Amino acid sequence: MPPSFFIFRQMRNNRHHRFARFVLEKVLRLDVDYSVPDGARKCVIAFAPHTSIWDFVVGKMVMDVMGLRYQVIIKKEAFFFPLGPLLRSAGGIPVDRSNAAKLPETVAAMLRDSREMALLICPEGTRKSTEHWKRGFYFIAQKAGVPIYLSYIDWNAKKAGIGIRVEPTGDFNADMAKIFDFYRGMRGMYKGHFNLEQGL
């Protein structure tokens, strides 16, 4: 491709990032930490609270401005033309969900074999309040031998970013307690829809 194509694409990305920062900081009044931690280029990124599709949309804007290239798991049936190319360009990975038991191992192998891959997962698995988070994100990270980074948007404190790093030790309950402690007291866009919102 001619150099002008890459220059145009970079200019387009810069305009997108400036607009996204304007929305995040001036419209939504969020205090965003745009720094990307060491090791976050190959990892599992847990995102919470996830009380609305807008939590995810705003979270995507934050990571786009960070310059973090991330991918998300999407059922393969969604990759029909013309949606398929759009989903792939947005970081979508087609997976077969018909065998849920093998899915963590399949995705972990993809992550383990990649030179650079940040896999974004919403572990709540629902936009309603639930105490039972999905375990897949943890076991994918454990099987792939990569860390878990905890990303967040806290509408109470009006803060967003990527927080602490959690290394899966194999002690699921202890590691999840550490994860829950990080998110405790945060609020999603929809008040009352995040199980850790009350800090209990």
N, C-alpha and C. Protein backbone atom coordinates (compact mmCIF):
# COMPACT_ATOMS: atom_id res chain seq x y z
N MET A 1 0.83 -1.19 0.00
CA MET A 1 0.00 0.00 0.00
C MET A 1 0.88 1.26 0.00
N PRO A 2 0.42 2.33 -0.62
CA PRO A 2 1.21 3.56 -0.66
C PRO A 2 1.34 4.18 0.71
N PRO A 3 2.44 4.92 0.97
CA PRO A 3 2.62 5.57 2.28
C PRO A 3 1.48 6.49 2.64
N SER A 4 0.85 7.10 1.63
CA SER A 4 -0.25 8.03 1.91
C SER A 4 -1.40 7.35 2.63
N PHE A 5 -1.59 6.02 2.37
CA PHE A 5 -2.67 5.28 3.03
C PHE A 5 -2.43 5.22 4.53
N PHE A 6 -1.18 4.92 4.92
CA PHE A 6 -0.88 4.79 6.34
C PHE A 6 -0.91 6.15 7.04
N ILE A 7 -0.50 7.21 6.32
CA ILE A 7 -0.57 8.55 6.88
C ILE A 7 -2.02 8.93 7.14
N PHE A 8 -2.90 8.63 6.15
CA PHE A 8 -4.32 8.94 6.29
C PHE A 8 -4.92 8.16 7.44
N ARG A 9 -4.57 6.87 7.56
CA ARG A 9 -5.12 6.05 8.63
C ARG A 9 -4.68 6.57 9.99
N GLN A 10 -3.40 7.01 10.11
CA GLN A 10 -2.92 7.55 11.37
C GLN A 10 -3.63 8.85 11.72
N MET A 11 -3.86 9.70 10.70
CA MET A 11 -4.58 10.95 10.93
C MET A 11 -6.01 10.68 11.40
N ARG A 12 -6.64 9.65 10.79
CA ARG A 12 -8.00 9.28 11.17
C ARG A 12 -8.03 8.77 12.61
N ASN A 13 -7.03 7.94 12.96
CA ASN A 13 -6.95 7.43 14.33
C ASN A 13 -6.74 8.56 15.33
N ASN A 14 -5.89 9.52 14.98
CA ASN A 14 -5.63 10.65 15.87
C ASN A 14 -6.90 11.46 16.11
N ARG A 15 -7.67 11.69 15.03
CA ARG A 15 -8.92 12.43 15.18
C ARG A 15 -9.90 11.66 16.05
N HIS A 16 -9.96 10.34 15.86
CA HIS A 16 -10.84 9.50 16.68
C HIS A 16 -10.45 9.57 18.15
N HIS A 17 -9.14 9.52 18.43
CA HIS A 17 -8.68 9.55 19.81
C HIS A 17 -8.96 10.89 20.46
N ARG A 18 -8.78 11.97 19.71
CA ARG A 18 -9.07 13.30 20.27
C ARG A 18 -10.55 13.44 20.59
N PHE A 19 -11.41 12.93 19.70
CA PHE A 19 -12.85 13.00 19.95
C PHE A 19 -13.21 12.13 21.15
N ALA A 20 -12.63 10.92 21.23
CA ALA A 20 -12.92 10.02 22.35
C ALA A 20 -12.49 10.65 23.67
N ARG A 21 -11.33 11.28 23.69
CA ARG A 21 -10.88 11.93 24.93
C ARG A 21 -11.79 13.08 25.32
N PHE A 22 -12.28 13.80 24.34
CA PHE A 22 -13.20 14.90 24.61
C PHE A 22 -14.47 14.36 25.27
N VAL A 23 -15.01 13.27 24.72
CA VAL A 23 -16.23 12.68 25.28
C VAL A 23 -15.97 12.17 26.69
N LEU A 24 -14.88 11.45 26.87
CA LEU A 24 -14.57 10.86 28.17
C LEU A 24 -14.35 11.92 29.25
N GLU A 25 -13.58 12.95 28.91
CA GLU A 25 -13.15 13.91 29.92
C GLU A 25 -14.09 15.10 30.08
N LYS A 26 -14.65 15.58 28.96
CA LYS A 26 -15.46 16.80 29.01
C LYS A 26 -16.96 16.52 29.11
N VAL A 27 -17.40 15.47 28.41
CA VAL A 27 -18.83 15.16 28.42
C VAL A 27 -19.18 14.26 29.61
N LEU A 28 -18.44 13.14 29.76
CA LEU A 28 -18.73 12.19 30.83
C LEU A 28 -18.03 12.56 32.14
N ARG A 29 -17.08 13.50 32.08
CA ARG A 29 -16.39 13.97 33.29
C ARG A 29 -15.66 12.86 34.02
N LEU A 30 -15.02 11.97 33.25
CA LEU A 30 -14.27 10.87 33.84
C LEU A 30 -12.81 11.25 34.01
N ASP A 31 -12.23 10.83 35.11
CA ASP A 31 -10.80 10.94 35.34
C ASP A 31 -10.18 9.62 34.88
N VAL A 32 -9.56 9.64 33.71
CA VAL A 32 -9.09 8.40 33.08
C VAL A 32 -7.58 8.28 33.21
N ASP A 33 -7.14 7.11 33.65
CA ASP A 33 -5.71 6.77 33.65
C ASP A 33 -5.44 6.02 32.35
N TYR A 34 -4.77 6.67 31.41
CA TYR A 34 -4.54 6.08 30.09
C TYR A 34 -3.28 5.23 30.02
N SER A 35 -2.57 5.09 31.11
CA SER A 35 -1.32 4.32 31.09
C SER A 35 -1.62 2.84 30.92
N VAL A 36 -0.77 2.18 30.13
CA VAL A 36 -0.89 0.74 29.89
C VAL A 36 0.18 0.03 30.71
N PRO A 37 -0.20 -0.80 31.67
CA PRO A 37 0.79 -1.48 32.52
C PRO A 37 1.69 -2.41 31.73
N ASP A 38 2.90 -2.59 32.23
CA ASP A 38 3.81 -3.58 31.64
C ASP A 38 3.15 -4.96 31.71
N GLY A 39 3.19 -5.67 30.63
CA GLY A 39 2.61 -7.01 30.60
C GLY A 39 1.19 -7.07 30.09
N ALA A 40 0.57 -5.90 29.90
CA ALA A 40 -0.83 -5.89 29.46
C ALA A 40 -1.00 -6.11 27.96
N ARG A 41 0.11 -6.30 27.26
CA ARG A 41 0.02 -6.58 25.83
C ARG A 41 -0.29 -8.05 25.56
N LYS A 42 -0.02 -8.89 26.56
CA LYS A 42 -0.37 -10.32 26.44
C LYS A 42 -0.94 -10.75 27.78
N CYS A 43 -2.27 -10.83 27.84
CA CYS A 43 -2.92 -11.07 29.12
C CYS A 43 -4.42 -11.28 28.90
N VAL A 44 -5.11 -11.53 29.99
CA VAL A 44 -6.57 -11.46 30.04
C VAL A 44 -6.92 -10.16 30.77
N ILE A 45 -7.81 -9.38 30.18
CA ILE A 45 -8.27 -8.15 30.81
C ILE A 45 -9.71 -8.36 31.25
N ALA A 46 -9.94 -8.35 32.55
CA ALA A 46 -11.30 -8.43 33.09
C ALA A 46 -11.87 -7.02 33.14
N PHE A 47 -13.10 -6.86 32.68
CA PHE A 47 -13.74 -5.55 32.71
C PHE A 47 -15.00 -5.60 33.57
N ALA A 48 -15.08 -4.68 34.53
CA ALA A 48 -16.26 -4.56 35.41
C ALA A 48 -16.26 -3.15 35.98
N PRO A 49 -17.39 -2.66 36.48
CA PRO A 49 -18.74 -3.24 36.39
C PRO A 49 -19.29 -3.19 34.97
N HIS A 50 -20.17 -4.14 34.67
CA HIS A 50 -20.78 -4.22 33.34
C HIS A 50 -22.30 -4.26 33.52
N THR A 51 -22.89 -3.09 33.79
CA THR A 51 -24.31 -3.02 34.08
C THR A 51 -25.14 -2.58 32.88
N SER A 52 -24.45 -2.16 31.81
CA SER A 52 -25.13 -1.65 30.62
C SER A 52 -24.21 -1.81 29.44
N ILE A 53 -24.76 -1.87 28.25
CA ILE A 53 -23.93 -1.91 27.05
C ILE A 53 -23.05 -0.67 27.00
N TRP A 54 -23.53 0.43 27.62
CA TRP A 54 -22.76 1.67 27.60
C TRP A 54 -21.52 1.60 28.47
N ASP A 55 -21.54 0.79 29.52
CA ASP A 55 -20.31 0.56 30.29
C ASP A 55 -19.23 0.02 29.36
N PHE A 56 -19.61 -0.95 28.53
CA PHE A 56 -18.65 -1.58 27.63
C PHE A 56 -18.21 -0.60 26.54
N VAL A 57 -19.15 0.17 26.01
CA VAL A 57 -18.82 1.14 24.95
C VAL A 57 -17.82 2.17 25.47
N VAL A 58 -18.06 2.69 26.67
CA VAL A 58 -17.15 3.67 27.25
C VAL A 58 -15.80 3.01 27.55
N GLY A 59 -15.84 1.78 28.06
CA GLY A 59 -14.59 1.06 28.31
C GLY A 59 -13.79 0.86 27.04
N LYS A 60 -14.48 0.58 25.94
CA LYS A 60 -13.81 0.42 24.64
C LYS A 60 -13.15 1.73 24.22
N MET A 61 -13.82 2.84 24.45
CA MET A 61 -13.24 4.14 24.13
C MET A 61 -11.96 4.38 24.92
N VAL A 62 -11.99 4.03 26.20
CA VAL A 62 -10.80 4.21 27.04
C VAL A 62 -9.63 3.41 26.48
N MET A 63 -9.86 2.16 26.13
CA MET A 63 -8.77 1.32 25.65
C MET A 63 -8.31 1.73 24.26
N ASP A 64 -9.22 2.23 23.45
CA ASP A 64 -8.82 2.74 22.14
C ASP A 64 -7.86 3.92 22.29
N VAL A 65 -8.18 4.84 23.20
CA VAL A 65 -7.30 5.98 23.42
C VAL A 65 -5.96 5.53 24.01
N MET A 66 -5.98 4.50 24.85
CA MET A 66 -4.74 3.95 25.39
C MET A 66 -3.82 3.42 24.29
N GLY A 67 -4.43 3.04 23.16
CA GLY A 67 -3.66 2.40 22.11
C GLY A 67 -3.48 0.91 22.35
N LEU A 68 -4.29 0.36 23.24
CA LEU A 68 -4.20 -1.06 23.56
C LEU A 68 -5.02 -1.88 22.57
N ARG A 69 -4.37 -2.76 21.87
CA ARG A 69 -5.06 -3.63 20.92
C ARG A 69 -5.58 -4.84 21.68
N TYR A 70 -6.88 -4.98 21.73
CA TYR A 70 -7.49 -6.05 22.50
C TYR A 70 -8.43 -6.84 21.59
N GLN A 71 -8.79 -8.02 22.04
CA GLN A 71 -9.70 -8.87 21.28
C GLN A 71 -10.79 -9.40 22.20
N VAL A 72 -11.93 -9.71 21.61
CA VAL A 72 -13.06 -10.22 22.37
C VAL A 72 -13.58 -11.50 21.71
N ILE A 73 -14.11 -12.39 22.54
CA ILE A 73 -14.66 -13.66 22.05
C ILE A 73 -16.10 -13.45 21.60
N ILE A 74 -16.41 -13.89 20.38
CA ILE A 74 -17.76 -13.78 19.83
C ILE A 74 -18.12 -15.10 19.17
N LYS A 75 -19.35 -15.56 19.35
CA LYS A 75 -19.75 -16.83 18.75
C LYS A 75 -19.59 -16.77 17.24
N LYS A 76 -19.11 -17.87 16.64
CA LYS A 76 -18.76 -17.89 15.23
C LYS A 76 -19.96 -17.62 14.32
N GLU A 77 -21.17 -17.92 14.81
CA GLU A 77 -22.37 -17.72 13.99
C GLU A 77 -22.59 -16.25 13.64
N ALA A 78 -21.98 -15.34 14.40
CA ALA A 78 -22.17 -13.91 14.15
C ALA A 78 -21.30 -13.40 13.00
N PHE A 79 -20.37 -14.23 12.55
CA PHE A 79 -19.41 -13.77 11.54
C PHE A 79 -19.89 -14.05 10.11
N PHE A 80 -21.12 -13.68 9.84
CA PHE A 80 -21.63 -13.80 8.47
C PHE A 80 -21.40 -12.49 7.73
N PHE A 81 -21.36 -12.55 6.40
CA PHE A 81 -21.13 -11.35 5.61
C PHE A 81 -22.38 -10.48 5.63
N PRO A 82 -22.24 -9.16 5.77
CA PRO A 82 -21.01 -8.36 5.84
C PRO A 82 -20.54 -8.07 7.26
N LEU A 83 -21.18 -8.68 8.27
CA LEU A 83 -20.83 -8.38 9.65
C LEU A 83 -19.48 -8.95 10.05
N GLY A 84 -19.12 -10.09 9.48
CA GLY A 84 -17.89 -10.77 9.85
C GLY A 84 -16.64 -9.89 9.77
N PRO A 85 -16.38 -9.27 8.61
CA PRO A 85 -15.19 -8.41 8.51
C PRO A 85 -15.20 -7.26 9.51
N LEU A 86 -16.38 -6.71 9.78
CA LEU A 86 -16.47 -5.62 10.75
C LEU A 86 -16.13 -6.10 12.15
N LEU A 87 -16.63 -7.29 12.52
CA LEU A 87 -16.34 -7.84 13.84
C LEU A 87 -14.85 -8.14 13.99
N ARG A 88 -14.24 -8.68 12.94
CA ARG A 88 -12.80 -8.98 13.00
C ARG A 88 -11.98 -7.70 13.12
N SER A 89 -12.37 -6.66 12.39
CA SER A 89 -11.63 -5.40 12.45
C SER A 89 -11.77 -4.75 13.83
N ALA A 90 -12.86 -5.08 14.54
CA ALA A 90 -13.08 -4.54 15.88
C ALA A 90 -12.46 -5.42 16.96
N GLY A 91 -11.74 -6.47 16.56
CA GLY A 91 -11.07 -7.34 17.52
C GLY A 91 -11.82 -8.60 17.87
N GLY A 92 -12.88 -8.91 17.12
CA GLY A 92 -13.65 -10.11 17.41
C GLY A 92 -12.94 -11.39 17.01
N ILE A 93 -13.03 -12.40 17.85
CA ILE A 93 -12.47 -13.73 17.58
C ILE A 93 -13.62 -14.72 17.49
N PRO A 94 -13.82 -15.35 16.33
CA PRO A 94 -14.92 -16.32 16.23
C PRO A 94 -14.59 -17.61 16.97
N VAL A 95 -15.49 -18.06 17.84
CA VAL A 95 -15.28 -19.30 18.57
C VAL A 95 -16.54 -20.15 18.52
N ASP A 96 -16.35 -21.46 18.67
CA ASP A 96 -17.46 -22.40 18.69
C ASP A 96 -17.89 -22.59 20.14
N ARG A 97 -19.07 -22.09 20.47
CA ARG A 97 -19.56 -22.18 21.85
C ARG A 97 -20.43 -23.42 22.08
N SER A 98 -20.53 -24.29 21.09
CA SER A 98 -21.38 -25.47 21.25
C SER A 98 -20.78 -26.43 22.27
N ASN A 99 -19.45 -26.37 22.44
CA ASN A 99 -18.79 -27.21 23.44
C ASN A 99 -18.16 -26.30 24.48
N ALA A 100 -18.97 -25.86 25.43
CA ALA A 100 -18.52 -24.88 26.42
C ALA A 100 -17.37 -25.42 27.28
N ALA A 101 -17.33 -26.73 27.49
CA ALA A 101 -16.29 -27.31 28.35
C ALA A 101 -14.90 -27.14 27.75
N LYS A 102 -14.81 -27.15 26.42
CA LYS A 102 -13.51 -27.05 25.76
C LYS A 102 -13.13 -25.62 25.42
N LEU A 103 -14.07 -24.69 25.56
CA LEU A 103 -13.82 -23.32 25.14
C LEU A 103 -12.64 -22.67 25.85
N PRO A 104 -12.53 -22.76 27.19
CA PRO A 104 -11.37 -22.14 27.85
C PRO A 104 -10.04 -22.66 27.34
N GLU A 105 -9.94 -23.96 27.11
CA GLU A 105 -8.69 -24.54 26.62
C GLU A 105 -8.39 -24.06 25.20
N THR A 106 -9.43 -23.98 24.35
CA THR A 106 -9.25 -23.52 22.98
C THR A 106 -8.76 -22.08 22.94
N VAL A 107 -9.40 -21.22 23.72
CA VAL A 107 -9.01 -19.80 23.74
C VAL A 107 -7.65 -19.65 24.40
N ALA A 108 -7.38 -20.41 25.44
CA ALA A 108 -6.08 -20.34 26.12
C ALA A 108 -4.95 -20.70 25.16
N ALA A 109 -5.19 -21.70 24.31
CA ALA A 109 -4.16 -22.09 23.34
C ALA A 109 -3.89 -20.96 22.35
N MET A 110 -4.94 -20.27 21.91
CA MET A 110 -4.76 -19.13 21.02
C MET A 110 -3.94 -18.04 21.69
N LEU A 111 -4.24 -17.78 22.95
CA LEU A 111 -3.53 -16.75 23.70
C LEU A 111 -2.09 -17.16 23.97
N ARG A 112 -1.90 -18.41 24.33
CA ARG A 112 -0.55 -18.91 24.64
C ARG A 112 0.36 -18.86 23.42
N ASP A 113 -0.22 -19.12 22.23
CA ASP A 113 0.58 -19.18 21.00
C ASP A 113 0.77 -17.82 20.34
N SER A 114 0.10 -16.79 20.86
CA SER A 114 0.21 -15.46 20.27
C SER A 114 1.39 -14.71 20.85
N ARG A 115 2.04 -13.93 20.02
CA ARG A 115 3.14 -13.10 20.51
C ARG A 115 2.61 -11.94 21.35
N GLU A 116 1.47 -11.41 20.91
CA GLU A 116 0.86 -10.29 21.62
C GLU A 116 -0.65 -10.40 21.48
N MET A 117 -1.36 -10.52 22.61
CA MET A 117 -2.81 -10.65 22.57
C MET A 117 -3.39 -10.29 23.93
N ALA A 118 -4.20 -9.26 23.95
CA ALA A 118 -4.92 -8.88 25.17
C ALA A 118 -6.38 -9.26 24.97
N LEU A 119 -6.84 -10.20 25.77
CA LEU A 119 -8.20 -10.73 25.62
C LEU A 119 -9.11 -10.06 26.64
N LEU A 120 -10.10 -9.32 26.15
CA LEU A 120 -11.01 -8.57 27.01
C LEU A 120 -12.26 -9.40 27.30
N ILE A 121 -12.56 -9.59 28.59
CA ILE A 121 -13.70 -10.42 29.01
C ILE A 121 -14.46 -9.71 30.13
N CYS A 122 -15.80 -9.75 30.05
CA CYS A 122 -16.65 -9.25 31.13
C CYS A 122 -17.04 -10.45 31.99
N PRO A 123 -16.39 -10.68 33.12
CA PRO A 123 -16.59 -11.91 33.89
C PRO A 123 -17.95 -12.03 34.57
N GLU A 124 -18.69 -10.92 34.68
CA GLU A 124 -20.02 -11.03 35.29
C GLU A 124 -20.95 -11.87 34.43
N GLY A 125 -20.75 -11.84 33.11
CA GLY A 125 -21.54 -12.66 32.20
C GLY A 125 -22.97 -12.19 32.02
N THR A 126 -23.33 -11.08 32.63
CA THR A 126 -24.69 -10.53 32.54
C THR A 126 -24.64 -9.07 32.94
N ARG A 127 -25.62 -8.30 32.49
CA ARG A 127 -25.67 -6.89 32.88
C ARG A 127 -26.54 -6.70 34.13
N LYS A 128 -27.07 -7.78 34.67
CA LYS A 128 -27.82 -7.73 35.92
C LYS A 128 -26.89 -8.06 37.08
N SER A 129 -27.29 -7.66 38.27
CA SER A 129 -26.47 -7.95 39.45
C SER A 129 -26.40 -9.46 39.68
N THR A 130 -25.19 -9.98 39.83
CA THR A 130 -25.02 -11.40 40.09
C THR A 130 -23.81 -11.62 40.99
N GLU A 131 -23.92 -12.54 41.91
CA GLU A 131 -22.80 -12.89 42.78
C GLU A 131 -21.95 -13.99 42.16
N HIS A 132 -22.43 -14.58 41.07
CA HIS A 132 -21.75 -15.73 40.47
C HIS A 132 -21.10 -15.32 39.15
N TRP A 133 -19.86 -14.85 39.25
CA TRP A 133 -19.13 -14.46 38.05
C TRP A 133 -18.70 -15.71 37.29
N LYS A 134 -18.63 -15.58 35.98
CA LYS A 134 -18.16 -16.69 35.15
C LYS A 134 -16.68 -16.97 35.45
N ARG A 135 -16.33 -18.24 35.45
CA ARG A 135 -14.96 -18.62 35.81
C ARG A 135 -14.03 -18.70 34.62
N GLY A 136 -14.59 -18.63 33.40
CA GLY A 136 -13.79 -18.86 32.20
C GLY A 136 -12.58 -17.95 32.08
N PHE A 137 -12.74 -16.66 32.42
CA PHE A 137 -11.63 -15.72 32.26
C PHE A 137 -10.43 -16.14 33.10
N TYR A 138 -10.72 -16.67 34.30
CA TYR A 138 -9.65 -17.08 35.21
C TYR A 138 -8.92 -18.30 34.65
N PHE A 139 -9.68 -19.29 34.21
CA PHE A 139 -9.06 -20.53 33.74
C PHE A 139 -8.35 -20.33 32.39
N ILE A 140 -8.83 -19.41 31.57
CA ILE A 140 -8.13 -19.09 30.32
C ILE A 140 -6.75 -18.53 30.65
N ALA A 141 -6.70 -17.57 31.59
CA ALA A 141 -5.43 -16.98 31.98
C ALA A 141 -4.50 -18.02 32.60
N GLN A 142 -5.06 -18.86 33.45
CA GLN A 142 -4.26 -19.89 34.12
C GLN A 142 -3.67 -20.88 33.11
N LYS A 143 -4.49 -21.35 32.19
CA LYS A 143 -4.03 -22.33 31.20
C LYS A 143 -3.05 -21.71 30.21
N ALA A 144 -3.22 -20.41 29.92
CA ALA A 144 -2.33 -19.74 28.97
C ALA A 144 -1.04 -19.26 29.63
N GLY A 145 -1.02 -19.25 30.96
CA GLY A 145 0.16 -18.78 31.69
C GLY A 145 0.38 -17.28 31.58
N VAL A 146 -0.73 -16.53 31.59
CA VAL A 146 -0.64 -15.07 31.48
C VAL A 146 -1.35 -14.42 32.67
N PRO A 147 -1.04 -13.16 32.96
CA PRO A 147 -1.69 -12.48 34.08
C PRO A 147 -3.09 -11.99 33.72
N ILE A 148 -3.83 -11.63 34.75
CA ILE A 148 -5.14 -10.98 34.60
C ILE A 148 -4.98 -9.53 35.06
N TYR A 149 -5.38 -8.60 34.21
CA TYR A 149 -5.41 -7.19 34.60
C TYR A 149 -6.87 -6.78 34.80
N LEU A 150 -7.10 -5.99 35.82
CA LEU A 150 -8.46 -5.59 36.18
C LEU A 150 -8.74 -4.19 35.66
N SER A 151 -9.57 -4.09 34.62
CA SER A 151 -9.96 -2.79 34.08
C SER A 151 -11.32 -2.40 34.66
N TYR A 152 -11.61 -1.12 34.65
CA TYR A 152 -12.79 -0.66 35.39
C TYR A 152 -13.27 0.69 34.88
N ILE A 153 -14.54 0.94 35.09
CA ILE A 153 -15.12 2.29 35.09
C ILE A 153 -15.97 2.38 36.36
N ASP A 154 -15.59 3.27 37.23
CA ASP A 154 -16.31 3.46 38.49
C ASP A 154 -17.08 4.77 38.40
N TRP A 155 -18.41 4.66 38.22
CA TRP A 155 -19.22 5.86 38.07
C TRP A 155 -19.46 6.57 39.39
N ASN A 156 -19.09 5.94 40.51
CA ASN A 156 -19.13 6.63 41.81
C ASN A 156 -18.00 7.65 41.88
N ALA A 157 -16.78 7.16 41.65
CA ALA A 157 -15.59 8.01 41.75
C ALA A 157 -15.30 8.74 40.46
N LYS A 158 -16.01 8.39 39.39
CA LYS A 158 -15.79 8.97 38.06
C LYS A 158 -14.35 8.71 37.60
N LYS A 159 -13.92 7.47 37.78
CA LYS A 159 -12.57 7.08 37.38
C LYS A 159 -12.62 5.86 36.46
N ALA A 160 -11.61 5.75 35.61
CA ALA A 160 -11.53 4.62 34.68
C ALA A 160 -10.07 4.32 34.37
N GLY A 161 -9.81 3.07 34.01
CA GLY A 161 -8.46 2.70 33.63
C GLY A 161 -8.21 1.21 33.81
N ILE A 162 -6.95 0.84 33.86
CA ILE A 162 -6.55 -0.54 34.13
C ILE A 162 -5.85 -0.54 35.48
N GLY A 163 -6.34 -1.37 36.39
CA GLY A 163 -5.82 -1.39 37.75
C GLY A 163 -4.79 -2.46 37.98
N ILE A 164 -5.02 -3.27 39.01
CA ILE A 164 -3.98 -4.19 39.47
C ILE A 164 -3.85 -5.41 38.57
N ARG A 165 -2.72 -6.06 38.73
CA ARG A 165 -2.39 -7.31 38.03
C ARG A 165 -2.57 -8.47 39.01
N VAL A 166 -3.26 -9.50 38.55
CA VAL A 166 -3.47 -10.69 39.37
C VAL A 166 -2.88 -11.89 38.63
N GLU A 167 -1.97 -12.58 39.29
CA GLU A 167 -1.38 -13.80 38.72
C GLU A 167 -2.19 -14.99 39.21
N PRO A 168 -2.80 -15.77 38.30
CA PRO A 168 -3.55 -16.95 38.75
C PRO A 168 -2.63 -17.94 39.46
N THR A 169 -2.92 -18.22 40.71
CA THR A 169 -2.08 -19.12 41.50
C THR A 169 -2.58 -20.56 41.49
N GLY A 170 -3.82 -20.75 41.01
CA GLY A 170 -4.45 -22.06 41.11
C GLY A 170 -5.41 -22.14 42.27
N ASP A 171 -5.28 -21.21 43.23
CA ASP A 171 -6.22 -21.13 44.34
C ASP A 171 -7.33 -20.17 43.91
N PHE A 172 -8.35 -20.71 43.27
CA PHE A 172 -9.38 -19.88 42.65
C PHE A 172 -10.06 -18.96 43.67
N ASN A 173 -10.45 -19.50 44.80
CA ASN A 173 -11.19 -18.70 45.78
C ASN A 173 -10.34 -17.55 46.32
N ALA A 174 -9.08 -17.80 46.59
CA ALA A 174 -8.20 -16.75 47.11
C ALA A 174 -7.97 -15.67 46.06
N ASP A 175 -7.76 -16.09 44.82
CA ASP A 175 -7.52 -15.12 43.75
C ASP A 175 -8.78 -14.30 43.46
N MET A 176 -9.94 -14.94 43.50
CA MET A 176 -11.18 -14.21 43.26
C MET A 176 -11.47 -13.24 44.40
N ALA A 177 -11.09 -13.59 45.62
CA ALA A 177 -11.26 -12.67 46.75
C ALA A 177 -10.45 -11.40 46.51
N LYS A 178 -9.25 -11.55 45.95
CA LYS A 178 -8.41 -10.39 45.64
C LYS A 178 -9.07 -9.53 44.54
N ILE A 179 -9.65 -10.21 43.56
CA ILE A 179 -10.32 -9.50 42.47
C ILE A 179 -11.55 -8.76 42.98
N PHE A 180 -12.34 -9.44 43.80
CA PHE A 180 -13.54 -8.80 44.37
C PHE A 180 -13.16 -7.60 45.24
N ASP A 181 -12.07 -7.72 45.99
CA ASP A 181 -11.64 -6.61 46.85
C ASP A 181 -11.31 -5.38 46.02
N PHE A 182 -10.73 -5.60 44.84
CA PHE A 182 -10.39 -4.46 43.99
C PHE A 182 -11.65 -3.73 43.51
N TYR A 183 -12.67 -4.49 43.12
CA TYR A 183 -13.87 -3.88 42.56
C TYR A 183 -14.89 -3.44 43.62
N ARG A 184 -14.67 -3.82 44.85
CA ARG A 184 -15.65 -3.55 45.91
C ARG A 184 -15.91 -2.05 46.07
N GLY A 185 -17.17 -1.67 46.06
CA GLY A 185 -17.55 -0.28 46.22
C GLY A 185 -17.70 0.49 44.92
N MET A 186 -17.29 -0.11 43.81
CA MET A 186 -17.45 0.55 42.51
C MET A 186 -18.90 0.45 42.05
N ARG A 187 -19.28 1.37 41.17
CA ARG A 187 -20.65 1.38 40.64
C ARG A 187 -20.62 1.43 39.13
N GLY A 188 -21.50 0.65 38.49
CA GLY A 188 -21.66 0.72 37.05
C GLY A 188 -22.54 1.90 36.67
N MET A 189 -22.77 2.03 35.38
CA MET A 189 -23.61 3.14 34.92
C MET A 189 -25.01 3.07 35.51
N TYR A 190 -25.54 1.82 35.65
CA TYR A 190 -26.87 1.64 36.23
C TYR A 190 -26.71 1.28 37.70
N LYS A 191 -27.12 2.18 38.55
CA LYS A 191 -26.99 2.00 39.98
C LYS A 191 -27.79 0.77 40.45
N GLY A 192 -27.17 -0.02 41.33
CA GLY A 192 -27.84 -1.19 41.89
C GLY A 192 -27.70 -2.45 41.07
N HIS A 193 -26.97 -2.40 39.93
CA HIS A 193 -26.84 -3.57 39.07
C HIS A 193 -25.49 -4.27 39.20
N PHE A 194 -24.66 -3.84 40.15
CA PHE A 194 -23.34 -4.45 40.35
C PHE A 194 -23.28 -5.01 41.76
N ASN A 195 -22.98 -6.29 41.87
CA ASN A 195 -23.11 -6.98 43.16
C ASN A 195 -22.13 -6.47 44.22
N LEU A 196 -21.04 -5.82 43.81
CA LEU A 196 -20.05 -5.35 44.77
C LEU A 196 -20.21 -3.86 45.08
N GLU A 197 -21.27 -3.26 44.55
CA GLU A 197 -21.46 -1.82 44.66
C GLU A 197 -21.54 -1.34 46.10
N GLN A 198 -22.17 -2.12 46.97
CA GLN A 198 -22.37 -1.69 48.36
C GLN A 198 -21.12 -1.90 49.22
N GLY A 199 -20.07 -2.47 48.63
CA GLY A 199 -18.83 -2.67 49.38
C GLY A 199 -18.89 -3.78 50.39
N LEU A 200 -19.86 -4.70 50.22
CA LEU A 200 -20.03 -5.79 51.19
C LEU A 200 -19.19 -6.99 50.78
